[in-house]
Amino acid sequence: MKKLLVIFVVSILSFSANAESRFGDLTEMRDDRMRGKDGKWVRPHPGPFIWNGIEREQGVFSWEEADKYVVYAQEHNQKTLATIWPHANWEQKSCKRRKANSPFGRKFTKYLSKPCSMENYKIFLTKLVDRYDGDGKNDMPGLTKPIKHWQIMNEPEYKMFFSGKRDDFVEIFNFSSELIKSKQKDSVIVMAGAAGMFPENKSWWRSTLPKIKDHFDIAAIHHITPPEGNCDREFWVDEFSDLLKSLNIDKPIWVTEAMLGKCRVITTYVKAFASGAELIIDVGPNAPGMKMSKGARKKLNAFINEVDGFKSVNLISKKKAEFVMKDGSKKIIEF
């Protein structure tokens, strides 16, 4: 984590998604406190876009759960970032893959390895994109807000989310990206979120990013605090930005999981945005781990209402930031 420089410069953030909101939440439909805010981004997690949940038997597809999320998002003017999980029990049993230990319980897949057959996976992924791409062909009945943003996998450097080699991940990621882009020309591919910028994360991604950099549009970082609540004051965005630059990767940055821990809420959000984050997705009020205090959440909600949709942010002192809004007006936020 870097210290702020004495000289501050304007950070012009060209919001690549062309969406008004800079904020979002992880969502879970079974929890009425975890359904996200109206007019903001949502990232269902682990979400309903799991191969094992949609195709429990080969050739038999069930869309009920995924449709619920999409319908709710439409009704509440939310934009969905869909996480794709390329694993199905029946498929991985076919080549005797080893079971994995997942943090998501019985409703999730029991296997987290590379698909036995990429052709089987292709069939699922093609149907998934086809149902929610909004092209008028094979769409979900009543679809009005297509899904355009696809995040392929989640924190693959950790065995709890992917039981495979780095090259296996690269193959799945690039294959998925190419297929989605071929089926949905206006799709936006989001990198599987890096699970922080600890030395082991940096090492894993330093070797992996060059192999996938031409297959994603937005880079993604996660900030999940350990039980004691230790945190990074920029949600790791500064270190992540440095890593990307060292690899000659020029991509927008989204924080697709943000947990506050013991950090100060406004300070951390402002510094993350000033360090280059375009979008920050909070883990939500009922996510596992250290909870944000009621006071901090109240401050966050007020901050969102005050600056959401800003065009750029400029640190004008160690305790003040200037947010330039869409209409050209400016708002000074003290932190």
C-alpha atoms as a PDB file:
ATOM      1  CA  MET A   1       0.000   0.000   0.000  1.00  0.00           C
ATOM      2  CA  LYS A   2       1.505   3.314  -1.054  1.00  0.00           C
ATOM      3  CA  LYS A   3       1.524   6.568   0.835  1.00  0.00           C
ATOM      4  CA  LEU A   4      -0.192   9.510  -0.818  1.00  0.00           C
ATOM      5  CA  LEU A   5       2.144  11.767  -2.744  1.00  0.00           C
ATOM      6  CA  VAL A   6       2.468  15.390  -1.701  1.00  0.00           C
ATOM      7  CA  ILE A   7       1.566  16.502  -5.218  1.00  0.00           C
ATOM      8  CA  PHE A   8      -1.892  15.393  -6.323  1.00  0.00           C
ATOM      9  CA  VAL A   9      -2.975  14.954  -9.894  1.00  0.00           C
ATOM     10  CA  VAL A  10      -6.351  14.565 -11.527  1.00  0.00           C
ATOM     11  CA  SER A  11      -7.411  11.000 -12.157  1.00  0.00           C
ATOM     12  CA  ILE A  12      -9.638  11.053 -15.225  1.00  0.00           C
ATOM     13  CA  LEU A  13     -11.666   7.870 -15.201  1.00  0.00           C
ATOM     14  CA  SER A  14     -13.269   7.005 -18.520  1.00  0.00           C
ATOM     15  CA  PHE A  15     -16.055   4.754 -17.328  1.00  0.00           C
ATOM     16  CA  SER A  16     -15.774   2.028 -19.947  1.00  0.00           C
ATOM     17  CA  ALA A  17     -19.132   0.414 -19.235  1.00  0.00           C
ATOM     18  CA  ASN A  18     -20.970   3.659 -20.051  1.00  0.00           C
ATOM     19  CA  ALA A  19     -23.115   3.065 -17.002  1.00  0.00           C
ATOM     20  CA  GLU A  20     -24.154   5.825 -14.667  1.00  0.00           C
ATOM     21  CA  SER A  21     -23.498   4.061 -11.372  1.00  0.00           C
ATOM     22  CA  ARG A  22     -20.055   3.605  -9.867  1.00  0.00           C
ATOM     23  CA  PHE A  23     -21.336   1.340  -7.090  1.00  0.00           C
ATOM     24  CA  GLY A  24     -22.797  -2.122  -6.663  1.00  0.00           C
ATOM     25  CA  ASP A  25     -23.410  -5.032  -4.302  1.00  0.00           C
ATOM     26  CA  LEU A  26     -22.918  -8.764  -4.173  1.00  0.00           C
ATOM     27  CA  THR A  27     -26.403 -10.228  -4.187  1.00  0.00           C
ATOM     28  CA  GLU A  28     -28.206 -13.343  -2.996  1.00  0.00           C
ATOM     29  CA  MET A  29     -31.918 -13.672  -3.773  1.00  0.00           C
ATOM     30  CA  ARG A  30     -32.612 -15.909  -0.767  1.00  0.00           C
ATOM     31  CA  ASP A  31     -31.616 -13.042   1.556  1.00  0.00           C
ATOM     32  CA  ASP A  32     -33.836  -9.956   1.326  1.00  0.00           C
ATOM     33  CA  ARG A  33     -30.971  -7.818   2.689  1.00  0.00           C
ATOM     34  CA  MET A  34     -28.680  -8.963  -0.125  1.00  0.00           C
ATOM     35  CA  ARG A  35     -30.657  -8.029  -3.225  1.00  0.00           C
ATOM     36  CA  GLY A  36     -28.799  -4.858  -4.076  1.00  0.00           C
ATOM     37  CA  LYS A  37     -29.840  -1.253  -4.517  1.00  0.00           C
ATOM     38  CA  ASP A  38     -32.146   0.064  -7.197  1.00  0.00           C
ATOM     39  CA  GLY A  39     -30.296   1.600 -10.128  1.00  0.00           C
ATOM     40  CA  LYS A  40     -26.892   0.157  -9.148  1.00  0.00           C
ATOM     41  CA  TRP A  41     -24.725  -2.746 -10.220  1.00  0.00           C
ATOM     42  CA  VAL A  42     -25.287  -6.257  -8.862  1.00  0.00           C
ATOM     43  CA  ARG A  43     -22.932  -9.214  -8.875  1.00  0.00           C
ATOM     44  CA  PRO A  44     -24.808 -12.357  -7.798  1.00  0.00           C
ATOM     45  CA  HIS A  45     -22.398 -14.446  -5.748  1.00  0.00           C
ATOM     46  CA  PRO A  46     -21.823 -17.242  -6.264  1.00  0.00           C
ATOM     47  CA  GLY A  47     -24.899 -16.524  -8.337  1.00  0.00           C
ATOM     48  CA  PRO A  48     -27.134 -18.627 -10.552  1.00  0.00           C
ATOM     49  CA  PHE A  49     -24.868 -18.783 -13.612  1.00  0.00           C
ATOM     50  CA  ILE A  50     -23.284 -22.042 -12.492  1.00  0.00           C
ATOM     51  CA  TRP A  51     -23.108 -24.799 -15.076  1.00  0.00           C
ATOM     52  CA  ASN A  52     -23.987 -27.373 -12.415  1.00  0.00           C
ATOM     53  CA  GLY A  53     -27.114 -25.459 -11.386  1.00  0.00           C
ATOM     54  CA  ILE A  54     -28.420 -24.951 -14.906  1.00  0.00           C
ATOM     55  CA  GLU A  55     -27.550 -28.310 -16.493  1.00  0.00           C
ATOM     56  CA  ARG A  56     -27.778 -30.863 -13.685  1.00  0.00           C
ATOM     57  CA  GLU A  57     -28.170 -33.663 -16.199  1.00  0.00           C
ATOM     58  CA  GLN A  58     -26.599 -33.669 -19.621  1.00  0.00           C
ATOM     59  CA  GLY A  59     -28.921 -31.978 -22.078  1.00  0.00           C
ATOM     60  CA  VAL A  60     -31.495 -30.955 -19.436  1.00  0.00           C
ATOM     61  CA  PHE A  61     -31.419 -27.213 -18.776  1.00  0.00           C
ATOM     62  CA  SER A  62     -33.218 -25.422 -15.946  1.00  0.00           C
ATOM     63  CA  TRP A  63     -33.301 -21.622 -16.064  1.00  0.00           C
ATOM     64  CA  GLU A  64     -35.682 -20.882 -13.211  1.00  0.00           C
ATOM     65  CA  GLU A  65     -33.086 -19.716 -10.681  1.00  0.00           C
ATOM     66  CA  ALA A  66     -31.109 -17.614 -13.161  1.00  0.00           C
ATOM     67  CA  ASP A  67     -34.284 -16.055 -14.533  1.00  0.00           C
ATOM     68  CA  LYS A  68     -35.293 -14.939 -11.009  1.00  0.00           C
ATOM     69  CA  TYR A  69     -32.124 -12.860 -10.705  1.00  0.00           C
ATOM     70  CA  VAL A  70     -32.514 -11.359 -14.161  1.00  0.00           C
ATOM     71  CA  VAL A  71     -36.190 -10.496 -13.633  1.00  0.00           C
ATOM     72  CA  TYR A  72     -35.450  -8.880 -10.260  1.00  0.00           C
ATOM     73  CA  ALA A  73     -32.610  -6.842 -11.783  1.00  0.00           C
ATOM     74  CA  GLN A  74     -34.906  -5.653 -14.551  1.00  0.00           C
ATOM     75  CA  GLU A  75     -37.628  -4.637 -12.118  1.00  0.00           C
ATOM     76  CA  HIS A  76     -35.141  -2.667 -10.008  1.00  0.00           C
ATOM     77  CA  ASN A  77     -33.125  -1.104 -12.840  1.00  0.00           C
ATOM     78  CA  GLN A  78     -29.968  -2.971 -11.834  1.00  0.00           C
ATOM     79  CA  LYS A  79     -27.065  -3.832 -14.131  1.00  0.00           C
ATOM     80  CA  THR A  80     -25.832  -7.389 -13.745  1.00  0.00           C
ATOM     81  CA  LEU A  81     -22.266  -8.613 -13.693  1.00  0.00           C
ATOM     82  CA  ALA A  82     -22.670 -12.374 -14.162  1.00  0.00           C
ATOM     83  CA  THR A  83     -20.004 -14.753 -12.857  1.00  0.00           C
ATOM     84  CA  ILE A  84     -19.626 -17.885 -14.968  1.00  0.00           C
ATOM     85  CA  TRP A  85     -18.666 -21.102 -13.162  1.00  0.00           C
ATOM     86  CA  PRO A  86     -17.553 -23.743 -15.726  1.00  0.00           C
ATOM     87  CA  HIS A  87     -18.201 -26.840 -13.616  1.00  0.00           C
ATOM     88  CA  ALA A  88     -20.937 -29.492 -13.587  1.00  0.00           C
ATOM     89  CA  ASN A  89     -21.004 -32.594 -11.389  1.00  0.00           C
ATOM     90  CA  TRP A  90     -22.192 -34.981 -14.097  1.00  0.00           C
ATOM     91  CA  GLU A  91     -19.593 -33.703 -16.545  1.00  0.00           C
ATOM     92  CA  GLN A  92     -16.630 -33.953 -14.187  1.00  0.00           C
ATOM     93  CA  LYS A  93     -17.680 -37.382 -12.981  1.00  0.00           C
ATOM     94  CA  SER A  94     -17.420 -38.565 -16.589  1.00  0.00           C
ATOM     95  CA  CYS A  95     -13.628 -38.403 -16.424  1.00  0.00           C
ATOM     96  CA  LYS A  96     -13.354 -39.090 -12.697  1.00  0.00           C
ATOM     97  CA  ARG A  97     -12.245 -35.674 -11.525  1.00  0.00           C
ATOM     98  CA  ARG A  98     -11.473 -35.338  -7.817  1.00  0.00           C
ATOM     99  CA  LYS A  99     -14.017 -33.625  -5.578  1.00  0.00           C
ATOM    100  CA  ALA A 100     -13.155 -30.208  -4.216  1.00  0.00           C
ATOM    101  CA  ASN A 101     -13.867 -28.342  -0.993  1.00  0.00           C
ATOM    102  CA  SER A 102     -16.055 -25.383  -1.887  1.00  0.00           C
ATOM    103  CA  PRO A 103     -17.092 -22.586   0.512  1.00  0.00           C
ATOM    104  CA  PHE A 104     -20.586 -22.428  -0.953  1.00  0.00           C
ATOM    105  CA  GLY A 105     -22.176 -25.604   0.427  1.00  0.00           C
ATOM    106  CA  ARG A 106     -24.455 -28.238  -1.072  1.00  0.00           C
ATOM    107  CA  LYS A 107     -26.116 -26.044  -3.686  1.00  0.00           C
ATOM    108  CA  PHE A 108     -22.806 -25.444  -5.416  1.00  0.00           C
ATOM    109  CA  THR A 109     -20.835 -27.840  -7.600  1.00  0.00           C
ATOM    110  CA  LYS A 110     -18.758 -30.559  -5.905  1.00  0.00           C
ATOM    111  CA  TYR A 111     -16.099 -30.318  -8.575  1.00  0.00           C
ATOM    112  CA  LEU A 112     -13.945 -27.339  -9.551  1.00  0.00           C
ATOM    113  CA  SER A 113     -11.585 -28.728 -12.159  1.00  0.00           C
ATOM    114  CA  LYS A 114     -11.271 -28.014 -15.859  1.00  0.00           C
ATOM    115  CA  PRO A 115     -14.192 -29.516 -17.840  1.00  0.00           C
ATOM    116  CA  CYS A 116     -13.594 -33.023 -19.101  1.00  0.00           C
ATOM    117  CA  SER A 117     -14.878 -31.932 -22.485  1.00  0.00           C
ATOM    118  CA  MET A 118     -14.666 -28.335 -23.655  1.00  0.00           C
ATOM    119  CA  GLU A 119     -17.326 -29.246 -26.196  1.00  0.00           C
ATOM    120  CA  ASN A 120     -19.761 -30.060 -23.373  1.00  0.00           C
ATOM    121  CA  TYR A 121     -18.917 -26.721 -21.769  1.00  0.00           C
ATOM    122  CA  LYS A 122     -19.358 -24.936 -25.092  1.00  0.00           C
ATOM    123  CA  ILE A 123     -22.932 -26.190 -25.362  1.00  0.00           C
ATOM    124  CA  PHE A 124     -23.781 -24.840 -21.904  1.00  0.00           C
ATOM    125  CA  LEU A 125     -22.042 -21.500 -22.375  1.00  0.00           C
ATOM    126  CA  THR A 126     -23.630 -20.941 -25.770  1.00  0.00           C
ATOM    127  CA  LYS A 127     -27.107 -21.502 -24.320  1.00  0.00           C
ATOM    128  CA  LEU A 128     -26.348 -19.260 -21.341  1.00  0.00           C
ATOM    129  CA  VAL A 129     -25.274 -16.299 -23.450  1.00  0.00           C
ATOM    130  CA  ASP A 130     -28.040 -16.904 -25.974  1.00  0.00           C
ATOM    131  CA  ARG A 131     -30.722 -16.695 -23.273  1.00  0.00           C
ATOM    132  CA  TYR A 132     -29.624 -13.347 -21.849  1.00  0.00           C
ATOM    133  CA  ASP A 133     -27.944 -11.515 -24.750  1.00  0.00           C
ATOM    134  CA  GLY A 134     -31.087  -9.653 -25.812  1.00  0.00           C
ATOM    135  CA  ASP A 135     -30.776 -10.329 -29.547  1.00  0.00           C
ATOM    136  CA  GLY A 136     -34.398 -11.479 -29.791  1.00  0.00           C
ATOM    137  CA  LYS A 137     -33.460 -15.077 -30.550  1.00  0.00           C
ATOM    138  CA  ASN A 138     -33.940 -17.716 -27.841  1.00  0.00           C
ATOM    139  CA  ASP A 139     -34.015 -14.982 -25.180  1.00  0.00           C
ATOM    140  CA  MET A 140     -35.548 -15.383 -21.756  1.00  0.00           C
ATOM    141  CA  PRO A 141     -39.265 -14.531 -22.062  1.00  0.00           C
ATOM    142  CA  GLY A 142     -39.750 -10.893 -21.085  1.00  0.00           C
ATOM    143  CA  LEU A 143     -36.051  -9.989 -21.242  1.00  0.00           C
ATOM    144  CA  THR A 144     -35.678  -6.194 -21.324  1.00  0.00           C
ATOM    145  CA  LYS A 145     -32.215  -5.674 -19.786  1.00  0.00           C
ATOM    146  CA  PRO A 146     -29.716  -8.037 -21.430  1.00  0.00           C
ATOM    147  CA  ILE A 147     -26.630  -9.209 -19.574  1.00  0.00           C
ATOM    148  CA  LYS A 148     -23.603  -7.788 -21.322  1.00  0.00           C
ATOM    149  CA  HIS A 149     -20.973  -8.065 -18.581  1.00  0.00           C
ATOM    150  CA  TRP A 150     -19.545 -11.528 -17.959  1.00  0.00           C
ATOM    151  CA  GLN A 151     -16.929 -12.320 -15.322  1.00  0.00           C
ATOM    152  CA  ILE A 152     -15.280 -15.621 -16.161  1.00  0.00           C
ATOM    153  CA  MET A 153     -14.559 -17.524 -12.922  1.00  0.00           C
ATOM    154  CA  ASN A 154     -13.626 -16.208  -9.478  1.00  0.00           C
ATOM    155  CA  GLU A 155     -10.297 -15.975  -7.622  1.00  0.00           C
ATOM    156  CA  PRO A 156      -8.796 -18.930  -9.529  1.00  0.00           C
ATOM    157  CA  GLU A 157      -5.510 -18.710  -7.641  1.00  0.00           C
ATOM    158  CA  TYR A 158      -7.289 -20.300  -4.658  1.00  0.00           C
ATOM    159  CA  LYS A 159      -8.097 -24.012  -4.646  1.00  0.00           C
ATOM    160  CA  MET A 160     -11.463 -23.356  -2.989  1.00  0.00           C
ATOM    161  CA  PHE A 161     -12.583 -21.761  -6.267  1.00  0.00           C
ATOM    162  CA  PHE A 162     -10.588 -23.657  -8.906  1.00  0.00           C
ATOM    163  CA  SER A 163      -8.868 -27.033  -8.735  1.00  0.00           C
ATOM    164  CA  GLY A 164      -6.600 -26.819 -11.706  1.00  0.00           C
ATOM    165  CA  LYS A 165      -3.292 -25.649 -13.076  1.00  0.00           C
ATOM    166  CA  ARG A 166      -2.667 -22.123 -14.269  1.00  0.00           C
ATOM    167  CA  ASP A 167      -2.665 -23.246 -17.878  1.00  0.00           C
ATOM    168  CA  ASP A 168      -6.038 -24.928 -17.315  1.00  0.00           C
ATOM    169  CA  PHE A 169      -7.442 -21.615 -16.141  1.00  0.00           C
ATOM    170  CA  VAL A 170      -5.935 -19.805 -19.130  1.00  0.00           C
ATOM    171  CA  GLU A 171      -7.500 -22.311 -21.523  1.00  0.00           C
ATOM    172  CA  ILE A 172     -10.953 -22.019 -19.923  1.00  0.00           C
ATOM    173  CA  PHE A 173     -10.792 -18.242 -19.721  1.00  0.00           C
ATOM    174  CA  ASN A 174      -9.669 -17.611 -23.276  1.00  0.00           C
ATOM    175  CA  PHE A 175     -12.045 -20.222 -24.676  1.00  0.00           C
ATOM    176  CA  SER A 176     -14.969 -18.645 -22.807  1.00  0.00           C
ATOM    177  CA  SER A 177     -14.078 -15.118 -23.848  1.00  0.00           C
ATOM    178  CA  GLU A 178     -13.748 -16.014 -27.512  1.00  0.00           C
ATOM    179  CA  LEU A 179     -17.055 -17.860 -27.497  1.00  0.00           C
ATOM    180  CA  ILE A 180     -18.950 -15.047 -25.745  1.00  0.00           C
ATOM    181  CA  LYS A 181     -17.489 -12.416 -28.070  1.00  0.00           C
ATOM    182  CA  SER A 182     -18.453 -14.479 -31.110  1.00  0.00           C
ATOM    183  CA  LYS A 183     -22.058 -14.788 -29.899  1.00  0.00           C
ATOM    184  CA  GLN A 184     -22.539 -11.322 -28.381  1.00  0.00           C
ATOM    185  CA  LYS A 185     -20.618  -8.586 -30.166  1.00  0.00           C
ATOM    186  CA  ASP A 186     -21.295  -5.934 -27.503  1.00  0.00           C
ATOM    187  CA  SER A 187     -20.351  -8.159 -24.570  1.00  0.00           C
ATOM    188  CA  VAL A 188     -17.852  -6.980 -21.972  1.00  0.00           C
ATOM    189  CA  ILE A 189     -15.497  -9.559 -20.473  1.00  0.00           C
ATOM    190  CA  VAL A 190     -14.336  -8.994 -16.901  1.00  0.00           C
ATOM    191  CA  MET A 191     -11.230 -10.739 -15.621  1.00  0.00           C
ATOM    192  CA  ALA A 192     -11.682 -13.304 -12.864  1.00  0.00           C
ATOM    193  CA  GLY A 193     -11.174 -11.225  -9.733  1.00  0.00           C
ATOM    194  CA  ALA A 194      -7.718 -11.426  -8.193  1.00  0.00           C
ATOM    195  CA  ALA A 195      -8.016 -12.323  -4.500  1.00  0.00           C
ATOM    196  CA  GLY A 196      -5.929  -9.430  -3.211  1.00  0.00           C
ATOM    197  CA  MET A 197      -2.356  -8.358  -3.788  1.00  0.00           C
ATOM    198  CA  PHE A 198      -0.511 -10.496  -1.285  1.00  0.00           C
ATOM    199  CA  PRO A 199       2.783 -11.913  -2.591  1.00  0.00           C
ATOM    200  CA  GLU A 200       1.176 -15.219  -3.606  1.00  0.00           C
ATOM    201  CA  ASN A 201      -1.551 -13.406  -5.550  1.00  0.00           C
ATOM    202  CA  LYS A 202       0.931 -11.204  -7.353  1.00  0.00           C
ATOM    203  CA  SER A 203       3.071 -14.189  -8.283  1.00  0.00           C
ATOM    204  CA  TRP A 204       0.100 -16.132  -9.653  1.00  0.00           C
ATOM    205  CA  TRP A 205      -1.270 -13.266 -11.705  1.00  0.00           C
ATOM    206  CA  ARG A 206       2.118 -12.024 -12.887  1.00  0.00           C
ATOM    207  CA  SER A 207       2.570 -15.289 -14.749  1.00  0.00           C
ATOM    208  CA  THR A 208      -1.068 -15.634 -15.814  1.00  0.00           C
ATOM    209  CA  LEU A 209      -2.170 -12.168 -16.924  1.00  0.00           C
ATOM    210  CA  PRO A 210       0.102 -11.994 -19.999  1.00  0.00           C
ATOM    211  CA  LYS A 211      -1.612 -15.135 -21.311  1.00  0.00           C
ATOM    212  CA  ILE A 212      -5.160 -13.756 -21.002  1.00  0.00           C
ATOM    213  CA  LYS A 213      -4.667  -9.993 -21.438  1.00  0.00           C
ATOM    214  CA  ASP A 214      -6.064  -9.982 -24.975  1.00  0.00           C
ATOM    215  CA  HIS A 215      -9.219 -11.756 -23.829  1.00  0.00           C
ATOM    216  CA  PHE A 216     -10.688  -9.397 -21.245  1.00  0.00           C
ATOM    217  CA  ASP A 217     -11.907  -5.804 -21.292  1.00  0.00           C
ATOM    218  CA  ILE A 218     -11.890  -4.966 -17.584  1.00  0.00           C
ATOM    219  CA  ALA A 219      -9.404  -5.980 -14.899  1.00  0.00           C
ATOM    220  CA  ALA A 220     -10.802  -6.976 -11.496  1.00  0.00           C
ATOM    221  CA  ILE A 221      -9.430  -6.970  -7.977  1.00  0.00           C
ATOM    222  CA  HIS A 222     -10.983  -8.199  -4.705  1.00  0.00           C
ATOM    223  CA  HIS A 223     -10.437  -6.931  -1.180  1.00  0.00           C
ATOM    224  CA  ILE A 224     -11.594  -9.399   1.477  1.00  0.00           C
ATOM    225  CA  THR A 225     -10.315  -8.756   4.984  1.00  0.00           C
ATOM    226  CA  PRO A 226      -9.044 -11.551   7.259  1.00  0.00           C
ATOM    227  CA  PRO A 227     -10.921 -12.267  10.525  1.00  0.00           C
ATOM    228  CA  GLU A 228      -8.932  -9.630  12.419  1.00  0.00           C
ATOM    229  CA  GLY A 229     -10.073  -7.003   9.919  1.00  0.00           C
ATOM    230  CA  ASN A 230      -6.699  -5.863   8.558  1.00  0.00           C
ATOM    231  CA  CYS A 231      -7.247  -3.892   5.388  1.00  0.00           C
ATOM    232  CA  ASP A 232      -5.634  -2.012   2.540  1.00  0.00           C
ATOM    233  CA  ARG A 233      -6.563   1.680   2.378  1.00  0.00           C
ATOM    234  CA  GLU A 234      -7.099   1.630  -1.402  1.00  0.00           C
ATOM    235  CA  PHE A 235      -8.780  -1.801  -1.674  1.00  0.00           C
ATOM    236  CA  TRP A 236      -5.492  -2.955  -3.309  1.00  0.00           C
ATOM    237  CA  VAL A 237      -6.216  -0.804  -6.387  1.00  0.00           C
ATOM    238  CA  ASP A 238      -2.836   0.965  -6.336  1.00  0.00           C
ATOM    239  CA  GLU A 239      -0.794  -2.247  -6.169  1.00  0.00           C
ATOM    240  CA  PHE A 240      -3.024  -3.911  -8.744  1.00  0.00           C
ATOM    241  CA  SER A 241      -2.637  -0.951 -11.076  1.00  0.00           C
ATOM    242  CA  ASP A 242       1.134  -1.163 -10.678  1.00  0.00           C
ATOM    243  CA  LEU A 243       1.066  -4.875 -11.494  1.00  0.00           C
ATOM    244  CA  LEU A 244      -0.937  -4.253 -14.662  1.00  0.00           C
ATOM    245  CA  LYS A 245       1.405  -1.470 -15.748  1.00  0.00           C
ATOM    246  CA  SER A 246       4.456  -3.672 -15.155  1.00  0.00           C
ATOM    247  CA  LEU A 247       2.939  -6.149 -17.604  1.00  0.00           C
ATOM    248  CA  ASN A 248       2.005  -3.449 -20.152  1.00  0.00           C
ATOM    249  CA  ILE A 249      -1.695  -4.052 -19.581  1.00  0.00           C
ATOM    250  CA  ASP A 250      -3.851  -0.966 -19.953  1.00  0.00           C
ATOM    251  CA  LYS A 251      -7.341  -1.906 -18.787  1.00  0.00           C
ATOM    252  CA  PRO A 252     -10.021  -0.263 -16.632  1.00  0.00           C
ATOM    253  CA  ILE A 253     -10.097  -1.553 -13.039  1.00  0.00           C
ATOM    254  CA  TRP A 254     -13.157  -2.707 -11.127  1.00  0.00           C
ATOM    255  CA  VAL A 255     -13.214  -3.792  -7.486  1.00  0.00           C
ATOM    256  CA  THR A 256     -15.718  -6.624  -7.804  1.00  0.00           C
ATOM    257  CA  GLU A 257     -15.588  -7.552  -4.103  1.00  0.00           C
ATOM    258  CA  ALA A 258     -14.956  -4.843  -1.505  1.00  0.00           C
ATOM    259  CA  MET A 259     -14.917  -5.598   2.221  1.00  0.00           C
ATOM    260  CA  LEU A 260     -14.087  -2.670   4.472  1.00  0.00           C
ATOM    261  CA  GLY A 261     -12.626  -4.376   7.546  1.00  0.00           C
ATOM    262  CA  LYS A 262     -11.125  -1.861   9.969  1.00  0.00           C
ATOM    263  CA  CYS A 263     -10.530   0.763   7.292  1.00  0.00           C
ATOM    264  CA  ARG A 264     -12.426   4.057   7.291  1.00  0.00           C
ATOM    265  CA  VAL A 265     -15.211   3.874   4.756  1.00  0.00           C
ATOM    266  CA  ILE A 266     -15.090   7.222   2.936  1.00  0.00           C
ATOM    267  CA  THR A 267     -11.296   7.444   3.026  1.00  0.00           C
ATOM    268  CA  THR A 268     -10.937   3.984   1.518  1.00  0.00           C
ATOM    269  CA  TYR A 269     -13.518   4.488  -1.217  1.00  0.00           C
ATOM    270  CA  VAL A 270     -12.101   7.884  -2.194  1.00  0.00           C
ATOM    271  CA  LYS A 271      -8.531   6.572  -2.327  1.00  0.00           C
ATOM    272  CA  ALA A 272      -9.593   3.508  -4.328  1.00  0.00           C
ATOM    273  CA  PHE A 273     -11.366   5.684  -6.888  1.00  0.00           C
ATOM    274  CA  ALA A 274      -8.433   8.109  -7.000  1.00  0.00           C
ATOM    275  CA  SER A 275      -6.059   5.161  -7.543  1.00  0.00           C
ATOM    276  CA  GLY A 276      -7.968   4.147 -10.659  1.00  0.00           C
ATOM    277  CA  ALA A 277     -11.050   2.125  -9.683  1.00  0.00           C
ATOM    278  CA  GLU A 278     -14.013   2.777 -11.958  1.00  0.00           C
ATOM    279  CA  LEU A 279     -16.529   0.688 -10.043  1.00  0.00           C
ATOM    280  CA  ILE A 280     -16.630  -0.691  -6.494  1.00  0.00           C
ATOM    281  CA  ILE A 281     -18.940  -3.566  -5.558  1.00  0.00           C
ATOM    282  CA  ASP A 282     -19.557  -3.966  -1.829  1.00  0.00           C
ATOM    283  CA  VAL A 283     -19.812  -7.491  -0.411  1.00  0.00           C
ATOM    284  CA  GLY A 284     -23.196  -6.622   1.122  1.00  0.00           C
ATOM    285  CA  PRO A 285     -24.556  -6.384   4.655  1.00  0.00           C
ATOM    286  CA  ASN A 286     -24.896 -10.123   5.250  1.00  0.00           C
ATOM    287  CA  ALA A 287     -21.754 -11.417   3.581  1.00  0.00           C
ATOM    288  CA  PRO A 288     -19.556 -13.785   5.611  1.00  0.00           C
ATOM    289  CA  GLY A 289     -16.745 -12.160   7.533  1.00  0.00           C
ATOM    290  CA  MET A 290     -16.373  -8.871   9.383  1.00  0.00           C
ATOM    291  CA  LYS A 291     -19.536  -6.783   9.000  1.00  0.00           C
ATOM    292  CA  MET A 292     -19.508  -3.087   8.215  1.00  0.00           C
ATOM    293  CA  SER A 293     -20.856  -1.133  11.189  1.00  0.00           C
ATOM    294  CA  LYS A 294     -24.246   0.551  10.913  1.00  0.00           C
ATOM    295  CA  GLY A 295     -22.548   3.915  11.141  1.00  0.00           C
ATOM    296  CA  ALA A 296     -20.096   3.105   8.367  1.00  0.00           C
ATOM    297  CA  ARG A 297     -22.851   1.766   6.127  1.00  0.00           C
ATOM    298  CA  LYS A 298     -24.878   4.913   6.709  1.00  0.00           C
ATOM    299  CA  LYS A 299     -21.863   6.979   5.659  1.00  0.00           C
ATOM    300  CA  LEU A 300     -21.323   4.804   2.588  1.00  0.00           C
ATOM    301  CA  ASN A 301     -24.940   5.160   1.486  1.00  0.00           C
ATOM    302  CA  ALA A 302     -24.754   8.944   1.924  1.00  0.00           C
ATOM    303  CA  PHE A 303     -21.496   9.003  -0.079  1.00  0.00           C
ATOM    304  CA  ILE A 304     -23.107   6.970  -2.868  1.00  0.00           C
ATOM    305  CA  ASN A 305     -26.059   9.337  -3.021  1.00  0.00           C
ATOM    306  CA  GLU A 306     -23.699  12.312  -3.108  1.00  0.00           C
ATOM    307  CA  VAL A 307     -21.214  11.344  -5.817  1.00  0.00           C
ATOM    308  CA  ASP A 308     -22.606   8.433  -7.841  1.00  0.00           C
ATOM    309  CA  GLY A 309     -22.233   8.964 -11.553  1.00  0.00           C
ATOM    310  CA  PHE A 310     -19.162  11.189 -11.223  1.00  0.00           C
ATOM    311  CA  LYS A 311     -16.918  11.677 -14.248  1.00  0.00           C
ATOM    312  CA  SER A 312     -13.593  12.108 -12.501  1.00  0.00           C
ATOM    313  CA  VAL A 313     -12.005  12.560  -9.090  1.00  0.00           C
ATOM    314  CA  ASN A 314      -9.143  14.801  -8.055  1.00  0.00           C
ATOM    315  CA  LEU A 315      -7.365  14.625  -4.694  1.00  0.00           C
ATOM    316  CA  ILE A 316      -6.849  18.260  -3.736  1.00  0.00           C
ATOM    317  CA  SER A 317      -5.314  17.626  -0.322  1.00  0.00           C
ATOM    318  CA  LYS A 318      -4.654  14.769   2.064  1.00  0.00           C
ATOM    319  CA  LYS A 319      -8.178  15.103   3.410  1.00  0.00           C
ATOM    320  CA  LYS A 320     -10.226  16.436   0.498  1.00  0.00           C
ATOM    321  CA  ALA A 321     -11.260  15.189  -2.919  1.00  0.00           C
ATOM    322  CA  GLU A 322     -13.017  16.981  -5.742  1.00  0.00           C
ATOM    323  CA  PHE A 323     -15.559  14.941  -7.696  1.00  0.00           C
ATOM    324  CA  VAL A 324     -16.542  16.253 -11.121  1.00  0.00           C
ATOM    325  CA  MET A 325     -20.094  15.266 -11.970  1.00  0.00           C
ATOM    326  CA  LYS A 326     -21.654  14.511 -15.353  1.00  0.00           C
ATOM    327  CA  ASP A 327     -23.104  18.002 -15.646  1.00  0.00           C
ATOM    328  CA  GLY A 328     -19.738  19.612 -14.970  1.00  0.00           C
ATOM    329  CA  SER A 329     -20.539  20.577 -11.402  1.00  0.00           C
ATOM    330  CA  LYS A 330     -18.016  19.825  -8.672  1.00  0.00           C
ATOM    331  CA  LYS A 331     -18.468  18.362  -5.203  1.00  0.00           C
ATOM    332  CA  ILE A 332     -15.859  18.506  -2.461  1.00  0.00           C
ATOM    333  CA  ILE A 333     -15.743  15.456  -0.186  1.00  0.00           C
ATOM    334  CA  GLU A 334     -13.821  15.612   3.061  1.00  0.00           C
ATOM    335  CA  PHE A 335     -12.436  12.365   4.424  1.00  0.00           C
END
